[in-house]
Protein backbone atom coordinates (compact mmCIF):
# COMPACT_ATOMS: atom_id res chain seq x y z
CA MET A 1 18.80 -5.60 -11.30
CA LEU A 2 15.82 -4.16 -13.05
CA GLY A 3 15.73 -3.13 -16.69
CA ASP A 4 18.04 -0.61 -18.32
CA MET A 5 18.20 1.52 -15.16
CA GLN A 6 19.84 -1.30 -13.17
CA ILE A 7 17.62 -0.76 -10.08
CA THR A 8 18.07 -3.19 -7.18
CA LEU A 9 15.09 -3.75 -4.87
CA TRP A 10 15.43 -4.93 -1.31
CA SER A 11 13.29 -7.91 -0.30
CA GLU A 12 13.15 -10.57 2.36
CA GLU A 13 11.12 -13.74 2.85
CA PHE A 14 9.81 -15.80 5.73
CA GLY A 15 8.49 -19.34 6.05
CA ALA A 16 9.33 -22.47 4.10
CA ALA A 17 10.24 -22.22 0.44
CA THR A 18 7.77 -25.10 -0.29
CA ASP A 19 4.75 -23.12 1.23
CA ALA A 20 2.24 -21.22 -0.82
CA PRO A 21 3.76 -17.78 -1.63
CA ILE A 22 2.25 -14.49 -0.46
CA LEU A 23 3.75 -11.28 -1.86
CA LEU A 24 3.01 -8.22 0.28
CA VAL A 25 2.75 -5.01 -1.70
CA MET A 26 2.85 -1.76 0.24
CA GLY A 27 1.39 1.59 -0.78
CA SER A 28 2.84 4.70 -2.23
CA MET A 29 6.05 6.06 -0.65
CA SER A 30 5.99 3.20 1.84
CA GLN A 31 8.66 0.70 2.82
CA GLY A 32 8.02 -3.04 3.06
CA VAL A 33 8.66 -3.04 6.83
CA LEU A 34 5.35 -1.20 7.27
CA TRP A 35 3.93 -4.73 6.93
CA PRO A 36 4.28 -5.37 10.74
CA ASP A 37 6.69 -8.17 11.77
CA ALA A 38 4.04 -9.79 13.99
CA PHE A 39 1.52 -9.88 11.21
CA VAL A 40 4.08 -11.34 8.77
CA GLY A 41 4.96 -13.89 11.47
CA ARG A 42 1.41 -14.98 11.77
CA LEU A 43 1.18 -15.63 8.02
CA ALA A 44 4.44 -17.54 8.01
CA ALA A 45 3.36 -19.62 11.01
CA GLY A 46 0.16 -20.40 9.19
CA GLY A 47 2.11 -22.17 6.42
CA ARG A 48 2.88 -19.43 3.95
CA ARG A 49 6.05 -18.27 2.26
CA VAL A 50 5.83 -14.57 2.81
CA ILE A 51 7.75 -11.98 0.89
CA ARG A 52 7.92 -8.26 1.50
CA TYR A 53 9.98 -5.66 -0.33
CA ASP A 54 10.79 -2.00 -0.57
CA HIS A 55 9.54 -0.12 -3.59
CA ARG A 56 12.12 1.79 -5.60
CA ASP A 57 12.92 5.08 -3.93
CA THR A 58 12.04 3.73 -0.49
CA GLY A 59 13.88 1.99 2.31
CA ARG A 60 16.90 -0.02 1.26
CA SER A 61 15.97 -0.25 -2.41
CA ASP A 62 17.81 1.92 -4.94
CA THR A 63 16.90 5.57 -5.25
CA VAL A 64 16.58 7.20 -8.69
CA ASP A 65 17.63 10.48 -10.16
CA PHE A 66 14.11 11.20 -11.37
CA ASP A 67 15.14 14.20 -13.54
CA ARG A 68 17.60 12.00 -15.47
CA ASP A 69 15.65 8.73 -15.37
CA PRO A 70 11.97 9.46 -14.86
CA TYR A 71 9.53 6.57 -14.33
CA THR A 72 5.82 6.06 -13.89
CA TRP A 73 3.55 3.92 -11.79
CA GLU A 74 3.54 1.52 -14.69
CA ASP A 75 7.20 0.83 -13.81
CA ILE A 76 6.39 0.50 -10.10
CA LYS A 77 3.69 -2.03 -11.13
CA ASP A 78 6.20 -3.97 -13.25
CA ASP A 79 8.52 -4.02 -10.22
CA VAL A 80 6.03 -6.37 -8.48
CA LEU A 81 6.51 -8.89 -11.28
CA ARG A 82 10.27 -8.51 -11.10
CA VAL A 83 10.22 -9.24 -7.40
CA MET A 84 8.18 -12.41 -8.16
CA ASP A 85 10.74 -13.38 -10.89
CA ALA A 86 13.64 -12.80 -8.54
CA HIS A 87 12.13 -15.17 -6.01
CA GLY A 88 11.36 -17.79 -8.67
CA LEU A 89 7.60 -17.35 -8.54
CA ASP A 90 5.43 -17.95 -11.60
CA SER A 91 2.47 -16.78 -9.51
CA ALA A 92 1.65 -15.70 -5.97
CA HIS A 93 -1.09 -14.59 -3.68
CA LEU A 94 -0.99 -10.80 -3.70
CA VAL A 95 -1.80 -9.02 -0.42
CA CYS A 96 -1.80 -5.30 -1.10
CA HIS A 97 -2.26 -2.13 0.99
CA SER A 98 -3.49 1.35 -0.04
CA ALA A 99 -1.93 2.34 -3.51
CA GLY A 100 -0.47 -1.18 -3.49
CA GLY A 101 -4.03 -2.30 -3.92
CA LEU A 102 -4.23 -0.41 -7.20
CA LEU A 103 -1.10 -2.27 -8.37
CA GLY A 104 -2.65 -5.56 -7.34
CA GLN A 105 -5.91 -4.81 -9.15
CA LEU A 106 -4.08 -3.88 -12.30
CA LEU A 107 -1.86 -6.98 -12.19
CA ALA A 108 -4.98 -9.12 -11.74
CA VAL A 109 -6.41 -7.51 -14.87
CA GLU A 110 -3.24 -7.58 -17.05
CA HIS A 111 -1.58 -10.77 -15.75
CA PRO A 112 -4.28 -13.05 -14.30
CA GLU A 113 -2.01 -16.10 -14.64
CA ARG A 114 0.35 -14.58 -12.06
CA VAL A 115 -2.22 -13.77 -9.36
CA ARG A 116 -3.50 -16.75 -7.45
CA THR A 117 -5.69 -14.67 -5.15
CA LEU A 118 -5.92 -10.97 -4.52
CA THR A 119 -6.33 -9.24 -1.10
CA VAL A 120 -6.85 -5.48 -1.15
CA ILE A 121 -6.55 -3.52 2.13
CA GLY A 122 -7.48 0.13 2.61
CA SER A 123 -7.56 0.77 -1.17
CA SER A 124 -9.67 2.42 -3.82
CA PRO A 125 -11.26 1.00 -7.00
CA LEU A 126 -8.93 1.04 -9.97
CA GLY A 127 -9.63 3.77 -12.48
CA GLU A 128 -11.94 5.97 -10.50
CA GLY A 129 -9.74 8.93 -9.71
CA GLU A 130 -8.75 8.46 -6.05
CA GLY A 131 -5.72 10.73 -6.46
CA THR A 132 -7.83 13.49 -8.03
CA VAL A 133 -10.30 13.27 -5.14
CA LEU A 134 -7.52 13.70 -2.68
CA VAL A 135 -5.98 16.69 -4.52
CA ARG A 136 -9.42 18.41 -4.67
CA ALA A 137 -9.99 17.83 -0.96
CA LEU A 138 -6.60 19.35 -0.05
CA MET A 139 -7.20 22.28 -2.28
CA GLY A 140 -10.69 22.87 -0.89
CA GLU A 141 -12.34 22.36 -4.27
CA PRO A 142 -15.77 20.79 -4.60
CA GLN A 143 -16.02 17.18 -5.67
CA PRO A 144 -18.10 16.49 -8.87
CA ALA A 145 -21.16 14.27 -8.56
CA GLY A 146 -20.22 10.64 -8.64
CA SER A 147 -16.75 11.09 -7.21
CA LEU A 148 -15.32 8.75 -4.65
CA PRO A 149 -15.84 9.65 -0.97
CA GLU A 150 -13.27 12.17 0.08
CA PRO A 151 -10.91 11.79 3.11
CA ALA A 152 -11.93 12.53 6.65
CA PRO A 153 -11.75 16.21 7.68
CA GLU A 154 -8.96 15.57 10.20
CA PHE A 155 -6.86 13.93 7.50
CA VAL A 156 -7.35 16.86 5.13
CA ALA A 157 -6.56 19.40 7.93
CA PHE A 158 -3.38 17.60 8.86
CA TYR A 159 -1.97 17.47 5.32
CA ARG A 160 -2.88 21.10 4.62
CA GLN A 161 -0.94 22.07 7.73
CA LEU A 162 1.95 19.73 6.74
CA MET A 163 2.17 21.27 3.28
CA ALA A 164 2.38 24.75 4.77
CA ALA A 165 5.01 23.90 7.42
CA PRO A 166 8.75 24.25 6.94
CA PRO A 167 10.60 20.92 6.45
CA PRO A 168 11.88 19.19 9.60
CA ALA A 169 15.36 20.37 10.49
CA ASP A 170 16.87 17.13 11.92
CA ARG A 171 16.22 13.46 12.72
CA ARG A 172 14.21 14.25 15.89
CA GLU A 173 11.86 16.59 14.04
CA ARG A 174 11.55 14.18 11.14
CA VAL A 175 10.62 11.30 13.40
CA GLU A 176 8.06 13.41 15.33
CA SER A 177 6.50 14.44 12.03
CA MET A 178 6.30 10.81 10.89
CA ILE A 179 4.66 9.80 14.18
CA ALA A 180 2.16 12.61 13.84
CA GLU A 181 1.31 11.37 10.32
CA GLN A 182 0.93 7.77 11.54
CA ARG A 183 -1.44 9.06 14.29
CA VAL A 184 -3.70 10.61 11.72
CA LEU A 185 -3.54 7.56 9.36
CA HIS A 186 -4.34 5.28 12.38
CA GLY A 187 -7.76 6.90 12.75
CA THR A 188 -9.82 7.20 15.88
CA GLY A 189 -11.23 3.65 16.20
CA LEU A 190 -8.44 2.13 18.31
CA PRO A 191 -6.00 3.46 20.89
CA PHE A 192 -2.84 4.88 19.38
CA ASP A 193 0.34 3.26 20.78
CA GLU A 194 2.89 6.09 20.54
CA ASP A 195 5.80 3.98 21.81
CA ASP A 196 5.19 1.43 19.08
CA ALA A 197 4.79 4.18 16.54
CA ARG A 198 8.13 5.68 17.61
CA ARG A 199 9.91 2.38 17.25
CA LEU A 200 8.42 1.86 13.79
CA GLN A 201 9.12 5.38 12.52
CA GLU A 202 12.68 5.41 13.84
CA ARG A 203 13.20 2.14 12.01
CA VAL A 204 11.71 3.55 8.81
CA HIS A 205 13.82 6.67 9.13
CA ASP A 206 17.10 4.96 9.83
CA ARG A 207 16.91 2.26 7.17
CA ALA A 208 16.07 4.68 4.29
CA ARG A 209 18.81 5.46 1.86
CA ASP A 210 17.09 8.80 1.17
CA LEU A 211 13.75 9.63 2.85
CA ALA A 212 13.13 12.52 0.38
CA ALA A 213 13.35 10.14 -2.58
CA ALA A 214 9.96 8.65 -1.77
CA ALA A 215 8.36 11.84 -3.09
CA ASN A 216 9.37 10.63 -6.56
CA HIS A 217 6.28 8.38 -6.36
CA ARG A 218 4.16 11.52 -6.57
CA ARG A 219 6.14 12.67 -9.64
CA ALA A 220 5.66 9.24 -11.12
CA ALA A 221 1.91 9.50 -10.71
CA MET A 222 1.94 12.93 -12.47
CA ALA A 223 4.06 11.60 -15.25
CA ARG A 224 1.37 9.00 -16.15
CA PRO A 225 -2.00 10.26 -14.96
CA ASP A 226 -3.80 7.68 -17.10
CA PHE A 227 -2.00 4.82 -15.30
CA GLU A 228 -5.34 3.46 -13.95
CA PRO A 229 -7.56 2.10 -16.77
CA VAL A 230 -11.29 2.70 -16.32
CA GLY A 231 -13.89 0.03 -16.14
CA ARG A 232 -11.69 -3.05 -16.07
CA LEU A 233 -12.37 -4.44 -12.56
CA PRO A 234 -15.13 -6.76 -13.86
CA GLU A 235 -12.34 -8.56 -15.79
CA ILE A 236 -10.67 -9.79 -12.60
CA THR A 237 -11.03 -13.50 -12.17
CA ALA A 238 -8.70 -14.05 -9.08
CA PRO A 239 -10.64 -14.74 -5.94
CA THR A 240 -10.60 -11.38 -4.18
CA LEU A 241 -10.85 -10.36 -0.52
CA VAL A 242 -11.36 -6.65 0.18
CA VAL A 243 -10.58 -5.32 3.68
CA GLU A 244 -11.81 -1.98 4.90
CA GLY A 245 -11.71 -0.42 8.45
CA THR A 246 -14.73 1.19 10.08
CA HIS A 247 -12.48 4.19 10.84
CA GLU A 248 -10.64 4.51 7.52
CA PRO A 249 -9.60 8.23 7.28
CA VAL A 250 -8.07 8.33 3.81
CA LYS A 251 -10.37 6.25 1.56
CA PRO A 252 -13.62 5.89 3.55
CA GLY A 253 -16.12 3.62 1.79
CA HIS A 254 -13.75 2.88 -1.06
CA GLY A 255 -13.32 -0.78 -0.10
CA ALA A 256 -16.97 -1.47 -0.51
CA LEU A 257 -16.83 -0.04 -3.97
CA VAL A 258 -13.87 -2.27 -4.87
CA ALA A 259 -15.82 -5.27 -3.72
CA GLU A 260 -18.85 -4.24 -5.74
CA ARG A 261 -16.92 -4.00 -8.97
CA ILE A 262 -14.97 -7.23 -8.79
CA PRO A 263 -17.09 -10.34 -9.56
CA GLY A 264 -17.37 -12.58 -6.53
CA ALA A 265 -15.26 -10.40 -4.25
CA ARG A 266 -15.86 -10.61 -0.53
CA LEU A 267 -15.74 -7.55 1.76
CA LEU A 268 -14.36 -7.85 5.29
CA THR A 269 -15.01 -4.84 7.52
CA ILE A 270 -12.74 -4.68 10.58
CA LYS A 271 -13.99 -2.78 13.55
CA GLY A 272 -11.77 0.13 14.57
CA LEU A 273 -9.28 -0.21 11.76
CA GLY A 274 -7.99 2.97 10.10
CA HIS A 275 -5.36 3.18 7.37
CA THR A 276 -2.50 1.49 9.35
CA LEU A 277 -2.06 -2.10 10.57
CA PRO A 278 -1.95 -1.95 14.37
CA ALA A 279 -1.42 -4.92 16.62
CA GLU A 280 -5.17 -5.12 17.58
CA VAL A 281 -6.11 -6.25 14.04
CA HIS A 282 -3.33 -8.70 13.31
CA GLU A 283 -5.12 -11.80 14.49
CA GLU A 284 -8.33 -11.12 12.56
CA LEU A 285 -6.53 -9.90 9.46
CA ALA A 286 -4.06 -12.77 9.37
CA ALA A 287 -6.77 -15.35 9.86
CA ALA A 288 -8.73 -13.87 7.00
CA VAL A 289 -5.75 -13.81 4.69
CA LEU A 290 -4.79 -17.39 5.60
CA ALA A 291 -8.33 -18.61 4.90
CA HIS A 292 -8.39 -16.68 1.61
CA THR A 293 -5.09 -18.08 0.43
CA ALA A 294 -5.69 -21.65 1.46
CA GLU A 295 -5.04 -24.04 -1.37
């Protein structure tokens, strides 16, 4: 149970309790099962205690009446610490994807004693307005000089069309829409396995308490637009691995900027990788994470 709101978060763990702990932190509006089972299995087989969880308002975790009990991304960030506490962890290796990477970066700044190492995958540098860049791109507005690189044109076109379309009418339409979104996020660097995508999105659909509740993450971002402090990445002392794909459609080039700003960070560029975690990259990605988290 979390705080005054009594929120319960779903989590599960793999591997031996005596192994070094890795906490997997997914991105905005995303369930923990988007960390692929096969990738998680590789980490556990490599001698890690691996924990994944559903953010509030996603998957099997509690959903919130946002109008009655609004929250911010500060609260979502604090949920990461609460998951660690619930699993009895004073510290852990954080492996974070997309907006989860922003959470990981902020935790490494604010709570360095709790972050053994940091791995950031497909994310943007903290405090540099990634969300604003995305909104401007979707609205067709010019980006000011010095802004982060904007998303790929195919990503922008897809989400403009999605915003203008009527909501899906039933489970079949919802799953088809989710597969189409995964295809765009996957990028163009590797073949897209539609059968695998269907299995994943049907799982995501059917295990959600309320699919629509995930949109509260957007409301949480608007409730606290200054969530990301500016200029604090040089304070991070945790050994940091930054992973970026050559075909990243959402945050192209952002990973290199994260690595530039964190002292001693190492950048791993994975050929063909977009903004998802397909089977083709599991071996390389898991090997890199296992090496980075070796104690």
